[in-house]
Amino acid sequence: MEMYFLNDGRPGKCNKSVLFQLAEGWPQYPELIDCCECSSNKIVFSSKNLGRFTGHIESDYLVGKFADSNYEVKLKKGLGFWQK
């Protein structure tokens, strides 16, 4: 699983997006998702595949949970698979 948080240039509060990709054996088509609540203290967005995500940044990790699928996340900050 990879998530990239991007400032997408839109004016106002909802100016961030998440490029979200799952890879379960093979990379799946990525989702570009609006992230209107996107700060280090609180990150909230909804994925078509896993549902609503709520999380935050802890040291060098993104921690949180997809409530609809009960899937917990702890991702270390760093280069993604496609960047290596």
C-alpha atoms as a PDB file:
ATOM      1  CA  MET A   1       0.000   0.000   0.000  1.00  0.00           C
ATOM      2  CA  GLU A   2       1.271   3.429  -0.906  1.00  0.00           C
ATOM      3  CA  MET A   3      -0.132   6.888  -0.269  1.00  0.00           C
ATOM      4  CA  TYR A   4       1.165  10.159  -1.675  1.00  0.00           C
ATOM      5  CA  PHE A   5      -0.268  13.381  -0.281  1.00  0.00           C
ATOM      6  CA  LEU A   6      -0.328  16.194  -2.808  1.00  0.00           C
ATOM      7  CA  ASN A   7      -1.256  19.848  -2.752  1.00  0.00           C
ATOM      8  CA  ASP A   8      -3.389  19.935  -5.892  1.00  0.00           C
ATOM      9  CA  GLY A   9      -3.483  23.715  -6.363  1.00  0.00           C
ATOM     10  CA  ARG A  10      -7.176  24.221  -5.689  1.00  0.00           C
ATOM     11  CA  PRO A  11      -8.002  27.277  -3.565  1.00  0.00           C
ATOM     12  CA  GLY A  12      -9.618  26.894  -0.143  1.00  0.00           C
ATOM     13  CA  LYS A  13      -9.675  24.235   2.539  1.00  0.00           C
ATOM     14  CA  CYS A  14     -10.016  21.222   0.257  1.00  0.00           C
ATOM     15  CA  ASN A  15      -6.745  21.668  -1.655  1.00  0.00           C
ATOM     16  CA  LYS A  16      -5.079  18.295  -1.052  1.00  0.00           C
ATOM     17  CA  SER A  17      -5.408  14.902  -2.703  1.00  0.00           C
ATOM     18  CA  VAL A  18      -4.175  11.403  -1.920  1.00  0.00           C
ATOM     19  CA  LEU A  19      -2.772   9.164  -4.636  1.00  0.00           C
ATOM     20  CA  PHE A  20      -3.597   5.767  -3.144  1.00  0.00           C
ATOM     21  CA  GLN A  21      -2.481   2.403  -4.504  1.00  0.00           C
ATOM     22  CA  LEU A  22      -2.863  -1.146  -3.247  1.00  0.00           C
ATOM     23  CA  ALA A  23      -0.640  -3.979  -4.407  1.00  0.00           C
ATOM     24  CA  GLU A  24      -1.916  -7.396  -3.427  1.00  0.00           C
ATOM     25  CA  GLY A  25       0.316  -9.610  -5.536  1.00  0.00           C
ATOM     26  CA  TRP A  26       0.150  -7.082  -8.365  1.00  0.00           C
ATOM     27  CA  PRO A  27      -0.287  -3.282  -8.348  1.00  0.00           C
ATOM     28  CA  GLN A  28      -3.900  -2.217  -8.663  1.00  0.00           C
ATOM     29  CA  TYR A  29      -5.120   0.866 -10.485  1.00  0.00           C
ATOM     30  CA  PRO A  30      -4.398   3.896  -8.236  1.00  0.00           C
ATOM     31  CA  GLU A  31      -7.131   6.137  -6.852  1.00  0.00           C
ATOM     32  CA  LEU A  32      -6.861   9.924  -6.757  1.00  0.00           C
ATOM     33  CA  ILE A  33      -8.932  10.937  -3.710  1.00  0.00           C
ATOM     34  CA  ASP A  34      -9.898  14.333  -2.299  1.00  0.00           C
ATOM     35  CA  CYS A  35      -8.460  14.862   1.187  1.00  0.00           C
ATOM     36  CA  CYS A  36     -10.282  17.863   2.671  1.00  0.00           C
ATOM     37  CA  GLU A  37      -9.163  16.927   6.201  1.00  0.00           C
ATOM     38  CA  CYS A  38      -5.475  16.465   5.541  1.00  0.00           C
ATOM     39  CA  SER A  39      -2.978  17.659   8.161  1.00  0.00           C
ATOM     40  CA  SER A  40      -0.370  15.907  10.302  1.00  0.00           C
ATOM     41  CA  ASN A  41      -2.856  15.806  13.202  1.00  0.00           C
ATOM     42  CA  LYS A  42      -5.802  14.385  11.271  1.00  0.00           C
ATOM     43  CA  ILE A  43      -6.104  12.690   7.900  1.00  0.00           C
ATOM     44  CA  VAL A  44      -9.529  11.638   6.646  1.00  0.00           C
ATOM     45  CA  PHE A  45     -10.485  10.365   3.179  1.00  0.00           C
ATOM     46  CA  SER A  46     -12.583   7.615   1.588  1.00  0.00           C
ATOM     47  CA  SER A  47     -11.274   4.914  -0.737  1.00  0.00           C
ATOM     48  CA  LYS A  48     -13.551   3.006  -3.118  1.00  0.00           C
ATOM     49  CA  ASN A  49     -11.693  -0.204  -2.199  1.00  0.00           C
ATOM     50  CA  LEU A  50     -11.264   0.026   1.586  1.00  0.00           C
ATOM     51  CA  GLY A  51     -13.722   2.732   2.705  1.00  0.00           C
ATOM     52  CA  ARG A  52     -13.212   5.610   5.128  1.00  0.00           C
ATOM     53  CA  PHE A  53      -9.680   6.157   6.448  1.00  0.00           C
ATOM     54  CA  THR A  54      -8.929   8.125   9.615  1.00  0.00           C
ATOM     55  CA  GLY A  55      -5.349   8.582  10.763  1.00  0.00           C
ATOM     56  CA  HIS A  56      -2.495  10.909  11.697  1.00  0.00           C
ATOM     57  CA  ILE A  57       1.297  11.255  11.524  1.00  0.00           C
ATOM     58  CA  GLU A  58       3.345   9.769  14.403  1.00  0.00           C
ATOM     59  CA  SER A  59       7.101  10.410  14.083  1.00  0.00           C
ATOM     60  CA  ASP A  60       7.944   9.013  10.626  1.00  0.00           C
ATOM     61  CA  TYR A  61       4.792   6.894  10.324  1.00  0.00           C
ATOM     62  CA  LEU A  62       1.290   7.319   9.004  1.00  0.00           C
ATOM     63  CA  VAL A  63      -0.968   5.388  11.365  1.00  0.00           C
ATOM     64  CA  GLY A  64      -4.681   4.901  11.043  1.00  0.00           C
ATOM     65  CA  LYS A  65      -7.529   2.624  10.125  1.00  0.00           C
ATOM     66  CA  PHE A  66      -9.960   1.999   7.297  1.00  0.00           C
ATOM     67  CA  ALA A  67     -13.131   1.724   9.387  1.00  0.00           C
ATOM     68  CA  ASP A  68     -15.340   0.035   6.766  1.00  0.00           C
ATOM     69  CA  SER A  69     -12.896  -2.812   6.128  1.00  0.00           C
ATOM     70  CA  ASN A  70     -11.309  -2.833   9.622  1.00  0.00           C
ATOM     71  CA  TYR A  71      -7.850  -2.607   8.011  1.00  0.00           C
ATOM     72  CA  GLU A  72      -5.157  -0.956  10.173  1.00  0.00           C
ATOM     73  CA  VAL A  73      -2.261   0.948   8.615  1.00  0.00           C
ATOM     74  CA  LYS A  74       1.247   1.823   9.811  1.00  0.00           C
ATOM     75  CA  LEU A  75       3.308   3.103   6.889  1.00  0.00           C
ATOM     76  CA  LYS A  76       6.857   4.428   7.275  1.00  0.00           C
ATOM     77  CA  LYS A  77       7.664   7.651   5.444  1.00  0.00           C
ATOM     78  CA  GLY A  78      10.047   7.085   2.556  1.00  0.00           C
ATOM     79  CA  LEU A  79      10.395   6.254  -1.094  1.00  0.00           C
ATOM     80  CA  GLY A  80       7.633   4.232  -2.635  1.00  0.00           C
ATOM     81  CA  PHE A  81       8.079   1.065  -4.667  1.00  0.00           C
ATOM     82  CA  TRP A  82       7.941   2.949  -7.995  1.00  0.00           C
ATOM     83  CA  GLN A  83      10.506   5.536  -6.811  1.00  0.00           C
ATOM     84  CA  LYS A  84      13.258   3.015  -6.036  1.00  0.00           C
END
